[in-house]
N, C-alpha and C. Protein backbone atom coordinates (compact mmCIF):
# COMPACT_ATOMS: atom_id res chain seq x y z
N MET A 1 3.81 31.07 -9.47
CA MET A 1 3.99 29.63 -9.55
C MET A 1 5.29 29.20 -8.88
N ALA A 2 6.32 30.00 -9.02
CA ALA A 2 7.60 29.65 -8.41
C ALA A 2 7.49 29.59 -6.89
N GLU A 3 6.65 30.44 -6.32
CA GLU A 3 6.49 30.44 -4.88
C GLU A 3 5.92 29.13 -4.38
N SER A 4 4.93 28.56 -5.08
CA SER A 4 4.35 27.30 -4.63
C SER A 4 5.36 26.16 -4.71
N ASN A 5 6.22 26.17 -5.72
CA ASN A 5 7.26 25.15 -5.82
C ASN A 5 8.25 25.28 -4.67
N MET A 6 8.58 26.53 -4.30
CA MET A 6 9.50 26.73 -3.20
C MET A 6 8.87 26.26 -1.88
N LEU A 7 7.58 26.49 -1.73
CA LEU A 7 6.89 26.07 -0.52
C LEU A 7 6.92 24.55 -0.40
N ARG A 8 6.66 23.85 -1.48
CA ARG A 8 6.70 22.39 -1.44
C ARG A 8 8.09 21.90 -1.09
N ALA A 9 9.11 22.51 -1.67
CA ALA A 9 10.48 22.10 -1.38
C ALA A 9 10.81 22.35 0.09
N THR A 10 10.35 23.46 0.63
CA THR A 10 10.59 23.76 2.04
C THR A 10 9.89 22.77 2.93
N LEU A 11 8.64 22.43 2.61
CA LEU A 11 7.90 21.48 3.42
C LEU A 11 8.54 20.10 3.39
N SER A 12 9.04 19.70 2.22
CA SER A 12 9.63 18.38 2.12
C SER A 12 10.94 18.29 2.91
N LEU A 13 11.62 19.41 3.12
CA LEU A 13 12.85 19.39 3.91
C LEU A 13 12.56 19.11 5.38
N HIS A 14 11.37 19.48 5.85
CA HIS A 14 11.01 19.31 7.25
C HIS A 14 10.21 18.04 7.50
N THR A 15 10.02 17.22 6.48
CA THR A 15 9.26 15.98 6.62
C THR A 15 10.16 14.92 7.25
N ALA A 16 9.59 14.19 8.20
CA ALA A 16 10.35 13.13 8.87
C ALA A 16 10.75 12.06 7.86
N PRO A 17 11.94 11.47 8.04
CA PRO A 17 12.34 10.39 7.13
C PRO A 17 11.38 9.21 7.28
N ALA A 18 11.11 8.55 6.19
CA ALA A 18 10.16 7.43 6.19
C ALA A 18 10.86 6.13 6.56
N VAL A 19 10.11 5.26 7.23
CA VAL A 19 10.59 3.92 7.57
C VAL A 19 9.69 2.91 6.86
N GLY A 20 10.18 1.69 6.74
CA GLY A 20 9.40 0.63 6.11
C GLY A 20 8.26 0.15 7.01
N VAL A 21 7.36 -0.64 6.45
CA VAL A 21 6.18 -1.12 7.17
C VAL A 21 6.58 -1.96 8.37
N ASP A 22 7.48 -2.93 8.19
CA ASP A 22 7.87 -3.80 9.31
C ASP A 22 8.52 -3.00 10.44
N GLU A 23 9.39 -2.07 10.08
CA GLU A 23 10.05 -1.23 11.09
C GLU A 23 9.03 -0.35 11.81
N ALA A 24 8.07 0.19 11.06
CA ALA A 24 7.05 1.03 11.67
C ALA A 24 6.20 0.25 12.66
N ILE A 25 5.82 -0.97 12.30
CA ILE A 25 5.03 -1.81 13.21
C ILE A 25 5.84 -2.06 14.48
N ARG A 26 7.11 -2.38 14.33
CA ARG A 26 7.97 -2.64 15.48
C ARG A 26 8.07 -1.41 16.39
N LEU A 27 8.25 -0.23 15.78
CA LEU A 27 8.37 1.00 16.56
C LEU A 27 7.08 1.34 17.30
N ILE A 28 5.95 1.19 16.63
CA ILE A 28 4.67 1.50 17.27
C ILE A 28 4.41 0.54 18.42
N GLU A 29 4.67 -0.74 18.21
CA GLU A 29 4.48 -1.73 19.27
C GLU A 29 5.39 -1.47 20.46
N ALA A 30 6.53 -0.83 20.21
CA ALA A 30 7.48 -0.50 21.28
C ALA A 30 7.16 0.86 21.91
N GLY A 31 6.07 1.50 21.46
CA GLY A 31 5.68 2.79 22.02
C GLY A 31 6.47 3.96 21.47
N GLN A 32 7.11 3.79 20.30
CA GLN A 32 7.94 4.84 19.71
C GLN A 32 7.40 5.30 18.36
N GLY A 33 6.08 5.33 18.21
CA GLY A 33 5.49 5.64 16.91
C GLY A 33 5.09 7.08 16.71
N GLU A 34 5.36 7.94 17.65
CA GLU A 34 4.96 9.35 17.54
C GLU A 34 5.68 10.02 16.37
N GLY A 35 4.91 10.67 15.49
CA GLY A 35 5.48 11.40 14.35
C GLY A 35 6.04 10.53 13.26
N LEU A 36 5.68 9.27 13.26
CA LEU A 36 6.22 8.30 12.30
C LEU A 36 5.66 8.55 10.90
N ARG A 37 6.50 8.39 9.92
CA ARG A 37 6.10 8.47 8.50
C ARG A 37 6.53 7.15 7.87
N VAL A 38 5.57 6.45 7.25
CA VAL A 38 5.81 5.09 6.77
C VAL A 38 5.77 5.04 5.25
N ASP A 39 6.80 4.45 4.66
CA ASP A 39 6.88 4.28 3.21
C ASP A 39 6.16 2.98 2.85
N LEU A 40 5.02 3.12 2.14
CA LEU A 40 4.25 1.95 1.73
C LEU A 40 4.68 1.43 0.37
N GLY A 41 5.60 2.12 -0.29
CA GLY A 41 6.05 1.74 -1.61
C GLY A 41 5.23 2.44 -2.68
N GLY A 42 5.76 2.50 -3.86
CA GLY A 42 5.05 3.12 -4.98
C GLY A 42 4.80 4.60 -4.79
N GLY A 43 5.63 5.27 -3.98
CA GLY A 43 5.46 6.70 -3.75
C GLY A 43 4.34 7.03 -2.77
N ARG A 44 3.84 6.03 -2.03
CA ARG A 44 2.77 6.25 -1.06
C ARG A 44 3.33 6.20 0.36
N PHE A 45 2.81 7.09 1.20
CA PHE A 45 3.27 7.17 2.59
C PHE A 45 2.06 7.19 3.52
N ALA A 46 2.25 6.71 4.73
CA ALA A 46 1.20 6.73 5.74
C ALA A 46 1.74 7.38 7.00
N SER A 47 0.83 7.99 7.75
CA SER A 47 1.20 8.59 9.03
C SER A 47 -0.01 8.52 9.95
N ALA A 48 0.20 8.85 11.20
CA ALA A 48 -0.86 8.79 12.21
C ALA A 48 -1.67 10.09 12.17
N ASP A 49 -2.32 10.33 11.06
CA ASP A 49 -3.04 11.59 10.88
C ASP A 49 -4.56 11.43 10.96
N THR A 50 -5.01 10.38 11.63
CA THR A 50 -6.44 10.16 11.83
C THR A 50 -6.76 10.35 13.31
N PRO A 51 -8.03 10.45 13.66
CA PRO A 51 -8.37 10.60 15.08
C PRO A 51 -7.88 9.45 15.96
N ARG A 52 -7.66 8.28 15.39
CA ARG A 52 -7.18 7.13 16.18
C ARG A 52 -5.67 7.14 16.37
N GLY A 53 -4.97 8.09 15.79
CA GLY A 53 -3.54 8.26 16.01
C GLY A 53 -2.70 7.05 15.66
N THR A 54 -1.73 6.74 16.51
CA THR A 54 -0.80 5.64 16.22
C THR A 54 -1.49 4.28 16.25
N GLU A 55 -2.54 4.13 17.07
CA GLU A 55 -3.27 2.85 17.07
C GLU A 55 -3.94 2.61 15.73
N GLY A 56 -4.51 3.66 15.15
CA GLY A 56 -5.11 3.55 13.83
C GLY A 56 -4.07 3.26 12.76
N LEU A 57 -2.92 3.91 12.87
CA LEU A 57 -1.83 3.66 11.93
C LEU A 57 -1.37 2.22 12.03
N LEU A 58 -1.22 1.72 13.24
CA LEU A 58 -0.79 0.33 13.44
C LEU A 58 -1.77 -0.63 12.79
N GLN A 59 -3.04 -0.39 12.96
CA GLN A 59 -4.06 -1.25 12.35
C GLN A 59 -3.98 -1.19 10.83
N ARG A 60 -3.81 0.02 10.29
CA ARG A 60 -3.70 0.16 8.83
C ARG A 60 -2.46 -0.55 8.30
N LEU A 61 -1.35 -0.45 9.02
CA LEU A 61 -0.11 -1.08 8.57
C LEU A 61 -0.22 -2.60 8.61
N ARG A 62 -0.84 -3.13 9.65
CA ARG A 62 -1.04 -4.59 9.72
C ARG A 62 -1.93 -5.05 8.56
N GLY A 63 -2.97 -4.29 8.28
CA GLY A 63 -3.85 -4.63 7.17
C GLY A 63 -3.12 -4.53 5.83
N HIS A 64 -2.31 -3.50 5.67
CA HIS A 64 -1.53 -3.32 4.44
C HIS A 64 -0.59 -4.51 4.25
N LYS A 65 0.06 -4.91 5.33
CA LYS A 65 1.00 -6.03 5.26
C LYS A 65 0.28 -7.32 4.88
N MET A 66 -0.89 -7.53 5.47
CA MET A 66 -1.64 -8.75 5.17
C MET A 66 -2.14 -8.74 3.73
N LEU A 67 -2.67 -7.62 3.27
CA LEU A 67 -3.16 -7.55 1.89
C LEU A 67 -2.02 -7.71 0.89
N THR A 68 -0.87 -7.16 1.21
CA THR A 68 0.29 -7.32 0.33
C THR A 68 0.69 -8.79 0.24
N ALA A 69 0.70 -9.48 1.39
CA ALA A 69 1.05 -10.90 1.40
C ALA A 69 0.01 -11.72 0.64
N LEU A 70 -1.26 -11.40 0.80
CA LEU A 70 -2.31 -12.14 0.12
C LEU A 70 -2.29 -11.92 -1.38
N SER A 71 -1.83 -10.74 -1.81
CA SER A 71 -1.82 -10.44 -3.23
C SER A 71 -0.68 -11.12 -3.97
N GLN A 72 0.31 -11.59 -3.24
CA GLN A 72 1.43 -12.27 -3.88
C GLN A 72 1.05 -13.72 -4.16
N GLU A 73 1.42 -14.20 -5.31
CA GLU A 73 1.10 -15.57 -5.66
C GLU A 73 1.83 -16.53 -4.74
N GLY A 74 1.13 -17.51 -4.22
CA GLY A 74 1.74 -18.49 -3.34
C GLY A 74 2.20 -17.89 -2.03
N ALA A 75 1.45 -16.94 -1.52
CA ALA A 75 1.83 -16.24 -0.28
C ALA A 75 1.89 -17.22 0.88
N ASP A 76 2.92 -17.09 1.70
CA ASP A 76 3.08 -17.88 2.91
C ASP A 76 2.55 -17.06 4.07
N LEU A 77 1.32 -17.32 4.48
CA LEU A 77 0.69 -16.54 5.53
C LEU A 77 1.23 -16.88 6.91
N SER A 78 2.03 -17.92 7.04
CA SER A 78 2.58 -18.28 8.34
C SER A 78 3.56 -17.24 8.86
N ARG A 79 4.09 -16.39 7.98
CA ARG A 79 5.05 -15.38 8.43
C ARG A 79 4.37 -14.15 9.04
N LEU A 80 3.05 -14.07 8.92
CA LEU A 80 2.32 -12.97 9.53
C LEU A 80 2.09 -13.29 11.00
N LYS A 81 2.65 -12.45 11.87
CA LYS A 81 2.50 -12.66 13.30
C LYS A 81 1.18 -12.07 13.78
N PRO A 82 0.54 -12.72 14.74
CA PRO A 82 -0.64 -12.10 15.33
C PRO A 82 -0.21 -10.88 16.13
N PRO A 83 -1.09 -9.91 16.30
CA PRO A 83 -0.72 -8.70 17.06
C PRO A 83 -0.36 -9.02 18.50
N ALA A 84 0.55 -8.22 19.05
CA ALA A 84 0.99 -8.42 20.43
C ALA A 84 -0.10 -8.05 21.43
N THR A 85 -1.00 -7.18 21.02
CA THR A 85 -2.10 -6.74 21.89
C THR A 85 -3.42 -7.00 21.18
N ALA A 86 -4.50 -6.90 21.92
CA ALA A 86 -5.81 -7.08 21.31
C ALA A 86 -6.05 -5.98 20.29
N VAL A 87 -6.62 -6.33 19.18
CA VAL A 87 -6.88 -5.38 18.11
C VAL A 87 -8.27 -4.77 18.31
N THR A 88 -8.33 -3.46 18.30
CA THR A 88 -9.59 -2.74 18.38
C THR A 88 -9.93 -2.28 16.97
N VAL A 89 -11.04 -2.77 16.47
CA VAL A 89 -11.45 -2.43 15.10
C VAL A 89 -12.43 -1.27 15.16
N ALA A 90 -12.11 -0.22 14.42
CA ALA A 90 -12.98 0.95 14.36
C ALA A 90 -14.32 0.57 13.73
N PRO A 91 -15.41 1.21 14.15
CA PRO A 91 -16.73 0.88 13.59
C PRO A 91 -16.79 0.98 12.07
N ALA A 92 -16.15 1.98 11.49
CA ALA A 92 -16.16 2.13 10.03
C ALA A 92 -15.43 0.97 9.36
N VAL A 93 -14.34 0.50 9.98
CA VAL A 93 -13.59 -0.63 9.44
C VAL A 93 -14.41 -1.90 9.58
N ARG A 94 -15.08 -2.08 10.72
CA ARG A 94 -15.93 -3.25 10.95
C ARG A 94 -17.02 -3.32 9.88
N GLU A 95 -17.61 -2.18 9.54
CA GLU A 95 -18.65 -2.13 8.52
C GLU A 95 -18.11 -2.59 7.17
N ILE A 96 -16.90 -2.16 6.83
CA ILE A 96 -16.28 -2.55 5.56
C ILE A 96 -15.99 -4.05 5.56
N LEU A 97 -15.45 -4.56 6.66
CA LEU A 97 -15.14 -6.00 6.74
C LEU A 97 -16.41 -6.85 6.66
N ASP A 98 -17.45 -6.40 7.35
CA ASP A 98 -18.72 -7.14 7.30
C ASP A 98 -19.28 -7.16 5.88
N ALA A 99 -19.19 -6.03 5.20
CA ALA A 99 -19.69 -5.96 3.83
C ALA A 99 -18.87 -6.85 2.90
N ALA A 100 -17.58 -6.95 3.13
CA ALA A 100 -16.70 -7.79 2.31
C ALA A 100 -17.01 -9.27 2.50
N MET A 101 -17.50 -9.64 3.69
CA MET A 101 -17.79 -11.04 3.97
C MET A 101 -19.13 -11.49 3.39
N ARG A 102 -20.02 -10.54 3.12
CA ARG A 102 -21.33 -10.89 2.54
C ARG A 102 -21.15 -11.31 1.09
N ARG A 103 -21.87 -12.29 0.74
CA ARG A 103 -21.81 -12.76 -0.67
C ARG A 103 -22.98 -12.14 -1.43
N PRO A 104 -22.71 -11.70 -2.67
CA PRO A 104 -23.78 -11.07 -3.48
C PRO A 104 -24.85 -12.07 -3.89
């Protein structure tokens, strides 16, 4: 059991420092998102570990930011900037969004 704890401690020493959501979006848009680790709060982190890489991470971060703003009471949506480039929505994400728009 001690060995597994040591392994986790060793892995955490080599983990990239995390940046906030706004900083991560800025870095990815500037083409500096390689190896980025993003602190989403509450002990949750995101990284470009999907087949869509940094573009997928950017989309997830924008969605996270929007959902966080919407969940706050009296959210001011005017502070959400539109993306600098055209957004490409993955087919799986499109399916989820379409399902969310349907009324039961």
